[in-house]
């Protein structure tokens, strides 16, 4: 579907604004005098992008023309657009966003994400990487599951701990169903990355360590995440009914933040508060 008249007008205005605000130095062009160190001429954008000056001028004028995706990609490179700006430019012309580059793997939750989890004092929260490695957690989660801080770094993976730590098996009254669901969600998350060495190694280790995992993995079940109520049987806090939520930070799409919130109709909030206070605020092992 092509751009609307309003979209063409906004596209032209957006290109013009980016052209006039771009530093000539950043564009790789020499200064043309003290009075003009920023802003490019249309001819210069044409030269940098390989798009004819006439065609580019028509785009800025919002004329009823239909630039190809390749033309817009070339202009995005010439104007040094950010990923977000590039996606916006494409959307104005009726195209889907550019494919996102694979993010660099993140092993430790960024500081701002850790502070966010710490602020959720009454709700256990943790962050997992693309292969479900635990990248960070808050004091409430450490109180719910103390083993997260003492596990070896190579074993600090949610799927590994679910299937190999007896404490987790006791913590989950419905361990049989929950563990199989985790396997189905993990497979859905991984998709084509299951052939990557990190995934192959994790699956091989789990198959060797857990017959229950081998059975669940062989079933090839696929299930997407859905917020839901979860039950936990803590050795000192007792039975906790929590809601299980998950979100992906827009600036770190390789991470998932998982939060357990107390169900309002239960005493889970008071039990969690007492548990966290008793456990103290032990810093997460990094």
Protein backbone atom coordinates (compact mmCIF):
# COMPACT_ATOMS: atom_id res chain seq x y z
CA UNK A 1 0.00 0.00 0.00
CA UNK A 2 1.44 3.38 -1.02
CA UNK A 3 1.70 6.54 1.01
CA UNK A 4 -1.25 8.89 1.54
CA UNK A 5 -1.05 12.58 0.64
CA UNK A 6 -0.52 13.38 4.31
CA UNK A 7 2.18 10.72 4.47
CA UNK A 8 3.91 12.15 1.38
CA UNK A 9 3.81 15.65 2.85
CA UNK A 10 5.26 14.44 6.16
CA UNK A 11 7.90 12.40 4.31
CA UNK A 12 9.00 15.49 2.40
CA UNK A 13 9.09 17.65 5.52
CA UNK A 14 11.00 14.96 7.42
CA UNK A 15 13.63 14.59 4.68
CA UNK A 16 14.04 18.35 4.48
CA UNK A 17 14.45 18.69 8.25
CA UNK A 18 17.05 15.92 8.39
CA UNK A 19 18.91 17.40 5.40
CA UNK A 20 18.99 20.90 6.88
CA UNK A 21 20.10 19.69 10.33
CA UNK A 22 22.77 17.20 9.29
CA UNK A 23 26.32 18.18 10.09
CA UNK A 24 28.40 18.45 6.95
CA UNK A 25 31.29 16.90 8.85
CA UNK A 26 29.17 13.88 9.84
CA UNK A 27 28.08 13.53 6.20
CA UNK A 28 31.73 13.39 5.15
CA UNK A 29 31.58 16.72 3.31
CA UNK A 30 33.98 19.65 3.72
CA UNK A 31 32.90 22.90 5.27
CA UNK A 32 31.97 25.65 2.82
CA UNK A 33 32.68 28.59 5.07
CA UNK A 34 32.01 29.70 8.59
CA UNK A 35 28.45 30.68 7.76
CA UNK A 36 27.48 27.19 6.68
CA UNK A 37 28.82 24.22 8.59
CA UNK A 38 25.53 22.32 8.86
CA UNK A 39 22.85 21.50 6.35
CA UNK A 40 23.23 19.85 2.96
CA UNK A 41 22.09 20.98 -0.44
CA UNK A 42 19.71 18.73 -2.35
CA UNK A 43 22.47 18.16 -4.90
CA UNK A 44 24.72 16.87 -2.13
CA UNK A 45 22.08 14.44 -0.87
CA UNK A 46 21.69 13.27 -4.46
CA UNK A 47 25.45 12.73 -4.73
CA UNK A 48 25.69 10.84 -1.42
CA UNK A 49 22.65 8.62 -2.05
CA UNK A 50 22.82 8.01 -5.78
CA UNK A 51 19.23 9.27 -6.12
CA UNK A 52 18.66 11.81 -8.90
CA UNK A 53 18.31 15.38 -7.69
CA UNK A 54 15.01 15.72 -9.55
CA UNK A 55 13.56 12.63 -7.88
CA UNK A 56 14.82 13.72 -4.46
CA UNK A 57 13.36 17.22 -4.97
CA UNK A 58 9.98 15.71 -5.80
CA UNK A 59 10.14 13.65 -2.63
CA UNK A 60 10.74 16.76 -0.52
CA UNK A 61 7.88 18.48 -2.33
CA UNK A 62 5.51 15.66 -1.39
CA UNK A 63 4.63 14.84 -4.98
CA UNK A 64 2.57 11.76 -5.84
CA UNK A 65 5.51 9.51 -6.67
CA UNK A 66 6.32 6.07 -5.32
CA UNK A 67 9.93 5.67 -4.20
CA UNK A 68 11.22 2.13 -3.89
CA UNK A 69 12.43 0.76 -0.60
CA UNK A 70 15.99 0.78 -2.03
CA UNK A 71 15.73 4.53 -2.70
CA UNK A 72 14.57 5.20 0.85
CA UNK A 73 17.30 2.97 2.29
CA UNK A 74 19.89 4.91 0.27
CA UNK A 75 18.54 8.23 1.55
CA UNK A 76 18.54 6.92 5.12
CA UNK A 77 22.24 6.08 4.78
CA UNK A 78 23.08 9.41 3.15
CA UNK A 79 21.24 11.38 5.85
CA UNK A 80 22.72 9.25 8.65
CA UNK A 81 19.28 8.34 9.99
CA UNK A 82 19.04 6.36 13.20
CA UNK A 83 17.28 2.98 13.21
CA UNK A 84 14.14 4.64 14.58
CA UNK A 85 14.26 7.44 11.99
CA UNK A 86 14.83 4.93 9.20
CA UNK A 87 11.78 2.92 10.30
CA UNK A 88 9.73 6.13 10.43
CA UNK A 89 10.79 7.10 6.91
CA UNK A 90 9.77 3.70 5.57
CA UNK A 91 6.44 3.83 7.37
CA UNK A 92 5.59 7.18 5.76
CA UNK A 93 6.04 5.58 2.34
CA UNK A 94 3.91 2.58 3.27
CA UNK A 95 6.71 0.07 3.90
CA UNK A 96 7.27 -2.16 6.90
CA UNK A 97 10.20 -1.29 9.18
CA UNK A 98 13.70 -2.34 8.26
CA UNK A 99 14.78 -5.69 9.67
CA UNK A 100 16.47 -5.11 13.00
CA UNK A 101 20.09 -6.08 13.32
CA UNK A 102 20.73 -8.88 15.76
CA UNK A 103 21.57 -7.29 19.11
CA UNK A 104 24.84 -8.04 20.81
CA UNK A 105 24.34 -10.73 23.45
CA UNK A 106 23.72 -9.32 26.93
CA UNK A 107 24.95 -11.38 29.90
CA UNK A 108 24.23 -8.89 32.71
CA UNK A 109 21.14 -6.72 33.03
CA UNK A 110 21.96 -3.06 32.26
CA UNK A 111 22.15 -0.82 35.32
CA UNK A 112 18.88 0.97 34.59
CA UNK A 113 17.07 -2.35 34.22
CA UNK A 114 18.53 -3.60 37.49
CA UNK A 115 17.33 -0.42 39.22
CA UNK A 116 13.86 -0.99 37.77
CA UNK A 117 13.77 -4.50 39.23
CA UNK A 118 15.08 -3.26 42.57
CA UNK A 119 12.26 -0.70 42.67
CA UNK A 120 9.73 -3.56 42.55
CA UNK A 121 10.42 -4.29 46.19
CA UNK A 122 7.25 -6.28 46.78
CA UNK A 123 7.41 -8.35 43.61
CA UNK A 124 10.02 -10.97 42.70
CA UNK A 125 11.57 -10.05 39.35
CA UNK A 126 14.38 -11.33 37.18
CA UNK A 127 15.78 -10.80 33.70
CA UNK A 128 16.68 -13.58 31.27
CA UNK A 129 18.77 -13.52 28.12
CA UNK A 130 17.79 -14.98 24.76
CA UNK A 131 18.91 -18.46 25.88
CA UNK A 132 17.23 -18.00 29.29
CA UNK A 133 20.40 -17.21 31.19
CA UNK A 134 19.65 -15.21 34.34
CA UNK A 135 21.06 -11.73 33.81
CA UNK A 136 19.76 -10.05 36.96
CA UNK A 137 17.17 -10.24 39.74
CA UNK A 138 15.92 -8.29 42.73
CA UNK A 139 15.95 -8.99 46.47
CA UNK A 140 12.40 -10.36 46.47
CA UNK A 141 13.32 -12.98 43.87
CA UNK A 142 16.47 -13.92 45.80
CA UNK A 143 14.29 -14.38 48.89
CA UNK A 144 11.86 -16.56 46.94
CA UNK A 145 14.68 -18.57 45.37
CA UNK A 146 17.99 -18.15 47.27
CA UNK A 147 19.79 -20.52 44.90
CA UNK A 148 19.89 -17.88 42.17
CA UNK A 149 22.78 -16.09 43.91
CA UNK A 150 24.79 -19.21 44.75
CA UNK A 151 24.49 -21.13 41.48
CA UNK A 152 27.62 -21.42 39.38
CA UNK A 153 27.72 -18.85 36.61
CA UNK A 154 27.54 -21.55 33.92
CA UNK A 155 24.48 -23.08 35.63
CA UNK A 156 22.63 -19.80 36.16
CA UNK A 157 20.07 -20.55 33.47
CA UNK A 158 16.34 -20.67 34.20
CA UNK A 159 15.70 -23.88 32.27
CA UNK A 160 18.73 -25.60 33.80
CA UNK A 161 17.70 -24.68 37.34
CA UNK A 162 14.08 -25.74 36.83
CA UNK A 163 15.16 -29.21 35.79
CA UNK A 164 18.20 -29.77 38.04
CA UNK A 165 17.65 -27.93 41.33
CA UNK A 166 15.58 -29.94 43.85
CA UNK A 167 14.66 -26.69 45.62
CA UNK A 168 12.87 -25.43 42.51
CA UNK A 169 11.00 -28.72 42.19
CA UNK A 170 9.74 -28.31 45.76
CA UNK A 171 9.00 -24.61 45.18
CA UNK A 172 6.57 -25.40 42.35
CA UNK A 173 3.55 -27.49 43.42
CA UNK A 174 2.71 -28.04 39.73
CA UNK A 175 6.31 -28.71 38.67
CA UNK A 176 5.37 -31.41 36.13
CA UNK A 177 3.07 -29.11 34.13
CA UNK A 178 5.11 -25.95 34.63
CA UNK A 179 8.42 -27.51 33.61
CA UNK A 180 6.93 -28.87 30.39
CA UNK A 181 5.35 -25.51 29.63
CA UNK A 182 8.73 -23.82 30.13
CA UNK A 183 10.26 -26.19 27.58
CA UNK A 184 7.52 -25.36 25.07
CA UNK A 185 8.02 -21.61 25.64
CA UNK A 186 11.79 -21.95 25.38
CA UNK A 187 11.50 -23.75 22.05
CA UNK A 188 9.10 -21.07 20.77
CA UNK A 189 11.48 -18.30 21.87
CA UNK A 190 14.55 -19.93 20.35
CA UNK A 191 13.13 -20.81 16.94
CA UNK A 192 15.87 -21.01 14.30
CA UNK A 193 18.55 -20.16 16.87
CA UNK A 194 18.30 -23.69 18.26
CA UNK A 195 21.16 -24.59 15.92
CA UNK A 196 23.49 -22.07 17.56
CA UNK A 197 26.30 -23.57 19.68
CA UNK A 198 25.02 -22.05 22.95
CA UNK A 199 21.58 -23.61 22.47
CA UNK A 200 22.95 -26.95 21.33
CA UNK A 201 25.20 -27.12 24.39
CA UNK A 202 22.39 -26.21 26.80
CA UNK A 203 19.97 -28.76 25.32
CA UNK A 204 22.65 -31.48 25.32
CA UNK A 205 23.48 -30.80 28.99
CA UNK A 206 19.81 -30.88 29.96
CA UNK A 207 19.14 -34.09 28.04
CA UNK A 208 22.04 -35.72 29.86
CA UNK A 209 20.98 -34.41 33.27
CA UNK A 210 17.19 -34.81 33.24
CA UNK A 211 14.98 -37.58 31.83
CA UNK A 212 11.98 -35.26 32.34
CA UNK A 213 13.59 -32.69 30.08
CA UNK A 214 14.37 -35.35 27.47
CA UNK A 215 10.73 -36.36 27.41
CA UNK A 216 9.45 -32.78 27.20
CA UNK A 217 11.98 -31.84 24.52
CA UNK A 218 11.11 -34.85 22.38
CA UNK A 219 7.45 -33.80 22.36
CA UNK A 220 8.28 -30.70 20.25
CA UNK A 221 5.51 -28.72 21.94
CA UNK A 222 5.35 -24.99 21.19
CA UNK A 223 3.62 -22.47 23.44
CA UNK A 224 3.74 -18.70 23.60
CA UNK A 225 3.99 -16.85 26.88
CA UNK A 226 0.74 -15.73 28.54
CA UNK A 227 0.30 -13.86 31.81
CA UNK A 228 -1.24 -16.19 34.35
CA UNK A 229 -1.51 -17.11 38.02
CA UNK A 230 1.32 -19.22 39.46
CA UNK A 231 1.57 -21.11 42.72
CA UNK A 232 4.75 -21.30 44.84
CA UNK A 233 5.23 -23.32 48.01
CA UNK A 234 8.04 -21.59 49.93
CA UNK A 235 9.56 -23.48 52.88
CA UNK A 236 9.05 -20.55 55.28
CA UNK A 237 6.56 -18.19 53.58
CA UNK A 238 4.13 -20.97 52.74
CA UNK A 239 1.81 -21.03 49.72
CA UNK A 240 2.04 -17.94 47.52
CA UNK A 241 -0.36 -17.12 44.69
CA UNK A 242 1.32 -14.75 42.23
CA UNK A 243 0.58 -13.39 38.78
CA UNK A 244 3.28 -14.12 36.22
CA UNK A 245 4.06 -11.27 33.78
CA UNK A 246 6.75 -10.72 31.18
CA UNK A 247 7.88 -7.84 28.98
CA UNK A 248 10.67 -7.03 26.55
CA UNK A 249 12.50 -3.69 27.01
CA UNK A 250 12.32 -1.77 23.73
CA UNK A 251 16.00 -0.82 23.98
CA UNK A 252 17.12 -4.37 24.85
CA UNK A 253 15.01 -6.75 22.73
CA UNK A 254 17.35 -9.64 23.57
CA UNK A 255 16.21 -9.53 27.22
CA UNK A 256 12.94 -10.55 28.89
CA UNK A 257 11.94 -9.19 32.28
CA UNK A 258 9.76 -11.51 34.35
CA UNK A 259 7.74 -10.14 37.27
CA UNK A 260 5.62 -11.98 39.84
CA UNK A 261 2.99 -9.75 41.43
CA UNK A 262 0.90 -10.78 44.46
CA UNK A 263 -2.71 -11.69 43.66
CA UNK A 264 -4.78 -9.02 45.50
CA UNK A 265 -7.37 -11.44 46.89
CA UNK A 266 -4.67 -13.38 48.77
CA UNK A 267 -2.19 -12.62 51.55
CA UNK A 268 0.75 -13.10 49.18
CA UNK A 269 1.82 -9.45 49.43
CA UNK A 270 2.20 -9.61 53.22
CA UNK A 271 3.94 -12.99 53.04
CA UNK A 272 6.39 -11.72 50.41
CA UNK A 273 7.13 -8.56 52.42
CA UNK A 274 7.89 -10.61 55.52
CA UNK A 275 10.01 -13.05 53.54
CA UNK A 276 12.06 -10.30 51.89
CA UNK A 277 12.56 -8.48 55.19
CA UNK A 278 13.76 -11.69 56.84
CA UNK A 279 16.09 -12.56 53.99
CA UNK A 280 17.56 -9.04 53.93
CA UNK A 281 18.68 -7.24 50.83
CA UNK A 282 21.46 -9.56 49.74
CA UNK A 283 23.10 -8.16 46.59
CA UNK A 284 22.80 -10.31 43.51
CA UNK A 285 25.98 -12.14 42.60
CA UNK A 286 27.30 -10.94 39.32
